Each structure stands twice: as structure tokens, then as C-alpha cells.
Amino acid sequence: MKYYQASSSEMYGGGSNEKLNEESKFIPKSPYAASKVFAHNMTKIYRESYGIYAVNGILFNHESPIRGETFVTRKITKAVGRISQGIQEKLTLGNLDAVRDWGYAGDFVEGMWAMMQYEEPSDWVLSTGVPYSVKDFLDKAFNTVGLDWSKYVETSETYYRPNEVNYLVGDYSKSKNKLGWEPKVQIDGLVKMMVDNDIHEATQEAVLLKEGLIEPTWEYPVIK
């Protein structure tokens, strides 16, 4: 039997501007992160105590067109799709200076599979190693449709974290050297993939709104 534990980059806390690997210190800043540290450590304890094949996958942010709409990347790309179709006017976000390491979920799934095939169970970081701020992501997403994000985006303290995680960037050297894993999709391709999907969804939504088949929902007005 093999066991995979889904650890998280949130465990590190994001307190310093350095690349983080399997040996970096955990400083959780939320109940979610603390629970992940607990599960991570318990997995190591059982692996070392009972010799079971238990793996901790420490995954940095991994995105795709089916990312949940409450996550900032998908919230941005959904807004780009809706704004481009005239069914949303503004987007409200929190801290635009937060820096993350955004990769493609499909690549990360391949990395998860690879770590489960390795001869010995261990802990593994999967990331891209490249830092981008929320502003950078906004710029790339809105540029896809030829728009200036600053004309559409507002900020609100409501969306700020009570204990902000400012900088999370990973060092996937171990996974590269031992698993032969590297991310294939870079951020420009990832953003385009997500925006294209959400433009398609917004196009369908616009038709339904015009025909009165659905009611307008959060953050966008009725089409005039």
C-alpha cells in the first residue's frame, strides 16, 4: 500500500523572500496551514516509525481552467471573460502585492504520480520556482483581451488576510534531480488557457442573460 499526503506551500508562512524546499522551516499563519503541518509531520512519523510508503507532496499553487472561482487566479480570469463580454464592470480583490509561484495543475499531477513511483517514500516540493505578484497575473490576464486591468480592478480590506502570507516561491530541485520532473506549462500559457476557457463560458452566459434564461449574479450588472 502507498499513501499520499497533500501538504501545502502555505505551511511555510511566506515571511521571507527566498525559495523554499523540503528542508525549509514551517511557520504556518492560518488554521489551514497549521492543520497541513500537523498532517505532514504525522505522515513523516508513521513513515519513520512503521516503514510505510507514505509521501508528503508539498505543492505550490497549481491552477487550471477548473480552479474554484473563489481562488484569486480563477476570480481574475472569470472577470476577464465577463468584462470582455460586457456582463461585468468591476473586480474587487485584496492584496495585489502578494507573490506566488503559479503552475499548471496538469503538470503537478504528473509530479505526484512520479513521487509515488520513486524507490523510497519521501517529501517532495513541486513548484515552478518563478515569482509573480497578483498584479503580474492581472496584467497578463487583462492583456489577453487587450484591456488595462487598472481600469477595472478595485481593492477592499474585506479580501485581505488577517495574517498575510506575502511571498511563497518554491525550489523544486529535488524533484527535478531525483524524479526528472519539471513544469512544462509556463505562466503565460497557463493564463491564456484559463482566460480562453472563461471567455467561452462568459459568451454562453451572455446569451442566456440576454434571453432572460438566467438572473445576473455577483459583481456584474444586467446586460443593457
Protein backbone atom coordinates (compact mmCIF):
# COMPACT_ATOMS: atom_id res chain seq x y z
CA MET A 1 0.00 0.00 0.00
CA LYS A 2 1.15 3.54 -0.76
CA TYR A 3 -0.12 6.69 0.90
CA TYR A 4 -0.01 10.25 -0.45
CA GLN A 5 -0.41 13.20 1.93
CA ALA A 6 -1.35 16.54 0.33
CA SER A 7 0.85 19.05 2.10
CA SER A 8 0.85 22.71 1.08
CA SER A 9 3.19 25.63 0.45
CA GLU A 10 1.02 27.54 2.94
CA MET A 11 2.90 25.67 5.69
CA TYR A 12 5.93 27.93 5.14
CA GLY A 13 4.13 31.14 6.05
CA GLY A 14 5.70 33.34 3.40
CA GLY A 15 7.70 35.51 5.77
CA SER A 16 10.88 35.86 3.72
CA ASN A 17 11.72 36.36 0.05
CA GLU A 18 13.54 33.09 -0.50
CA LYS A 19 12.91 29.92 -2.45
CA LEU A 20 11.58 27.16 -0.23
CA ASN A 21 12.47 23.48 -0.33
CA GLU A 22 11.80 20.31 1.64
CA GLU A 23 14.11 21.42 4.47
CA SER A 24 12.75 24.97 4.88
CA LYS A 25 11.13 25.88 8.18
CA PHE A 26 7.35 25.76 8.56
CA ILE A 27 5.75 28.89 10.06
CA PRO A 28 2.01 28.45 9.48
CA LYS A 29 -0.12 31.60 9.58
CA SER A 30 -3.63 30.16 9.38
CA PRO A 31 -5.63 27.27 10.82
CA TYR A 32 -5.49 25.65 7.37
CA ALA A 33 -1.70 25.88 7.26
CA ALA A 34 -1.36 24.59 10.83
CA SER A 35 -3.52 21.58 10.01
CA LYS A 36 -1.34 20.86 6.99
CA VAL A 37 1.82 20.99 9.13
CA PHE A 38 0.21 18.52 11.55
CA ALA A 39 -0.72 16.10 8.75
CA HIS A 40 2.73 16.49 7.17
CA ASN A 41 4.52 15.69 10.42
CA MET A 42 2.23 12.78 11.26
CA THR A 43 2.94 11.29 7.85
CA LYS A 44 6.69 11.52 8.50
CA ILE A 45 6.28 9.97 11.95
CA TYR A 46 4.34 6.98 10.62
CA ARG A 47 6.78 6.56 7.71
CA GLU A 48 9.80 6.58 10.00
CA SER A 49 8.18 4.54 12.79
CA TYR A 50 6.46 1.81 10.78
CA GLY A 51 8.24 1.81 7.44
CA ILE A 52 5.10 2.50 5.41
CA TYR A 53 5.30 4.05 1.95
CA ALA A 54 3.99 7.49 2.91
CA VAL A 55 4.75 10.53 0.78
CA ASN A 56 4.32 14.24 1.50
CA GLY A 57 3.73 16.31 -1.62
CA ILE A 58 4.42 19.98 -0.86
CA LEU A 59 2.67 21.62 -3.79
CA PHE A 60 2.85 25.30 -4.53
CA ASN A 61 -0.11 26.99 -6.23
CA HIS A 62 -1.38 24.87 -9.11
CA GLU A 63 -4.07 26.30 -11.35
CA SER A 64 -6.26 25.29 -14.28
CA PRO A 65 -9.48 26.32 -16.06
CA ILE A 66 -11.47 24.36 -13.46
CA ARG A 67 -9.90 26.07 -10.46
CA GLY A 68 -12.52 27.13 -7.92
CA GLU A 69 -13.93 30.59 -8.56
CA THR A 70 -13.10 31.83 -5.05
CA PHE A 71 -9.35 31.49 -5.70
CA VAL A 72 -7.71 34.69 -6.91
CA THR A 73 -6.43 33.35 -10.24
CA ARG A 74 -9.81 32.00 -11.36
CA LYS A 75 -11.59 35.02 -9.93
CA ILE A 76 -9.39 37.16 -12.21
CA THR A 77 -9.83 35.07 -15.34
CA LYS A 78 -13.60 34.78 -14.81
CA ALA A 79 -13.75 38.56 -14.52
CA VAL A 80 -11.71 38.99 -17.70
CA GLY A 81 -14.14 36.75 -19.57
CA ARG A 82 -17.21 38.56 -18.23
CA ILE A 83 -15.78 42.05 -18.72
CA SER A 84 -14.83 41.21 -22.29
CA GLN A 85 -18.45 40.20 -22.92
CA GLY A 86 -19.94 43.27 -21.23
CA ILE A 87 -21.55 41.45 -18.31
CA GLN A 88 -19.24 42.63 -15.53
CA GLU A 89 -17.88 46.09 -14.83
CA LYS A 90 -15.52 45.75 -11.87
CA LEU A 91 -13.44 43.20 -10.00
CA THR A 92 -12.71 43.57 -6.28
CA LEU A 93 -9.60 41.95 -4.83
CA GLY A 94 -7.42 42.16 -1.73
CA ASN A 95 -3.62 42.39 -1.56
CA LEU A 96 -2.31 42.91 -5.10
CA ASP A 97 1.33 42.75 -3.98
CA ALA A 98 1.19 39.17 -2.69
CA VAL A 99 3.66 36.97 -4.58
CA ARG A 100 3.02 33.36 -5.51
CA ASP A 101 4.53 30.54 -7.55
CA TRP A 102 1.77 29.61 -10.02
CA GLY A 103 1.97 26.41 -12.06
CA TYR A 104 -0.35 24.21 -14.12
CA ALA A 105 -2.28 21.55 -12.22
CA GLY A 106 -1.78 19.01 -15.01
CA ASP A 107 1.99 19.21 -14.60
CA PHE A 108 1.67 18.80 -10.86
CA VAL A 109 -0.43 15.66 -11.22
CA GLU A 110 2.41 14.14 -13.24
CA GLY A 111 4.79 15.09 -10.44
CA MET A 112 2.54 13.49 -7.85
CA TRP A 113 2.49 10.28 -9.86
CA ALA A 114 6.29 10.35 -10.22
CA MET A 115 6.90 10.74 -6.49
CA MET A 116 4.68 7.72 -5.83
CA GLN A 117 6.80 5.60 -8.20
CA TYR A 118 10.14 6.51 -6.60
CA GLU A 119 12.02 3.68 -4.90
CA GLU A 120 11.72 5.23 -1.45
CA PRO A 121 8.97 7.39 0.10
CA SER A 122 10.00 10.95 0.84
CA ASP A 123 8.89 14.59 0.89
CA TRP A 124 8.77 16.50 -2.39
CA VAL A 125 8.31 20.11 -3.43
CA LEU A 126 6.53 20.78 -6.72
CA SER A 127 6.66 24.36 -8.00
CA THR A 128 7.84 26.49 -10.91
CA GLY A 129 10.43 28.47 -8.97
CA VAL A 130 9.26 31.73 -10.56
CA PRO A 131 7.68 34.55 -8.51
CA TYR A 132 4.75 36.60 -9.78
CA SER A 133 2.58 39.08 -7.91
CA VAL A 134 -1.19 39.32 -8.17
CA LYS A 135 -0.58 42.49 -10.18
CA ASP A 136 1.55 40.49 -12.62
CA PHE A 137 -1.24 37.94 -13.01
CA LEU A 138 -3.78 40.72 -13.57
CA ASP A 139 -1.56 42.30 -16.20
CA LYS A 140 -1.16 39.05 -18.12
CA ALA A 141 -4.84 38.12 -17.90
CA PHE A 142 -6.24 41.50 -18.99
CA ASN A 143 -3.61 41.86 -21.72
CA THR A 144 -5.03 38.68 -23.25
CA VAL A 145 -8.11 40.71 -24.25
CA GLY A 146 -6.29 43.99 -24.78
CA LEU A 147 -7.51 45.71 -21.61
CA ASP A 148 -5.80 47.71 -18.86
CA TRP A 149 -6.58 45.96 -15.58
CA SER A 150 -6.20 49.14 -13.53
CA LYS A 151 -9.42 50.50 -15.09
CA TYR A 152 -11.47 47.57 -13.81
CA VAL A 153 -9.90 46.40 -10.55
CA GLU A 154 -10.64 47.76 -7.08
CA THR A 155 -9.25 46.65 -3.73
CA SER A 156 -11.03 46.15 -0.44
CA GLU A 157 -9.72 45.34 3.03
CA THR A 158 -12.50 42.75 3.20
CA TYR A 159 -10.39 40.50 1.00
CA TYR A 160 -7.13 40.93 2.92
CA ARG A 161 -5.98 38.02 5.04
CA PRO A 162 -5.89 38.67 8.79
CA ASN A 163 -2.31 37.30 8.82
CA GLU A 164 -0.96 37.91 5.34
CA VAL A 165 1.22 35.38 3.50
CA ASN A 166 3.30 37.69 1.35
CA TYR A 167 5.78 35.56 -0.59
CA LEU A 168 5.66 31.87 -1.50
CA VAL A 169 8.09 30.56 -4.13
CA GLY A 170 9.37 27.01 -4.31
CA ASP A 171 12.64 25.28 -5.09
CA TYR A 172 11.83 22.02 -6.90
CA SER A 173 15.49 20.95 -7.34
CA LYS A 174 14.97 17.63 -5.53
CA SER A 175 12.04 16.68 -7.75
CA LYS A 176 13.99 17.69 -10.84
CA ASN A 177 17.15 15.80 -9.88
CA LYS A 178 15.58 12.61 -8.49
CA LEU A 179 12.23 12.35 -10.28
CA GLY A 180 13.17 14.03 -13.55
CA TRP A 181 10.18 16.32 -13.08
CA GLU A 182 9.90 19.86 -14.36
CA PRO A 183 6.90 22.10 -15.07
CA LYS A 184 6.04 22.20 -18.77
CA VAL A 185 3.45 24.98 -18.87
CA GLN A 186 4.76 28.45 -18.04
CA ILE A 187 2.60 31.23 -16.64
CA ASP A 188 1.78 32.89 -19.98
CA GLY A 189 0.41 29.63 -21.33
CA LEU A 190 -1.43 28.97 -18.09
CA VAL A 191 -3.09 32.39 -18.06
CA LYS A 192 -4.13 32.11 -21.71
CA MET A 193 -5.59 28.65 -21.09
CA MET A 194 -7.66 29.94 -18.18
CA VAL A 195 -8.78 33.15 -19.90
CA ASP A 196 -9.77 31.33 -23.10
CA ASN A 197 -11.92 28.95 -21.05
CA ASP A 198 -13.60 31.79 -19.17
CA ILE A 199 -14.25 33.82 -22.30
CA HIS A 200 -16.03 30.77 -23.70
CA GLU A 201 -18.09 30.44 -20.51
CA ALA A 202 -18.87 34.16 -20.47
CA THR A 203 -20.02 34.05 -24.09
CA GLN A 204 -22.54 31.36 -23.22
CA GLU A 205 -23.57 33.25 -20.09
CA ALA A 206 -24.14 36.45 -22.08
CA VAL A 207 -26.54 34.65 -24.42
CA LEU A 208 -28.53 33.22 -21.52
CA LEU A 209 -28.70 36.62 -19.82
CA LYS A 210 -29.93 38.34 -22.98
CA GLU A 211 -32.62 35.73 -23.43
CA GLY A 212 -33.69 36.09 -19.80
CA LEU A 213 -32.98 32.45 -19.05
CA ILE A 214 -30.78 33.24 -16.02
CA GLU A 215 -30.59 36.04 -13.48
CA PRO A 216 -27.47 38.18 -13.01
CA THR A 217 -25.34 37.18 -10.02
CA TRP A 218 -22.45 38.62 -8.00
CA GLU A 219 -20.35 41.57 -9.13
CA TYR A 220 -21.86 42.20 -12.53
CA PRO A 221 -24.90 44.04 -13.87
CA VAL A 222 -27.66 43.01 -16.24
CA ILE A 223 -26.69 43.37 -19.88
CA LYS A 224 -28.29 46.50 -21.29
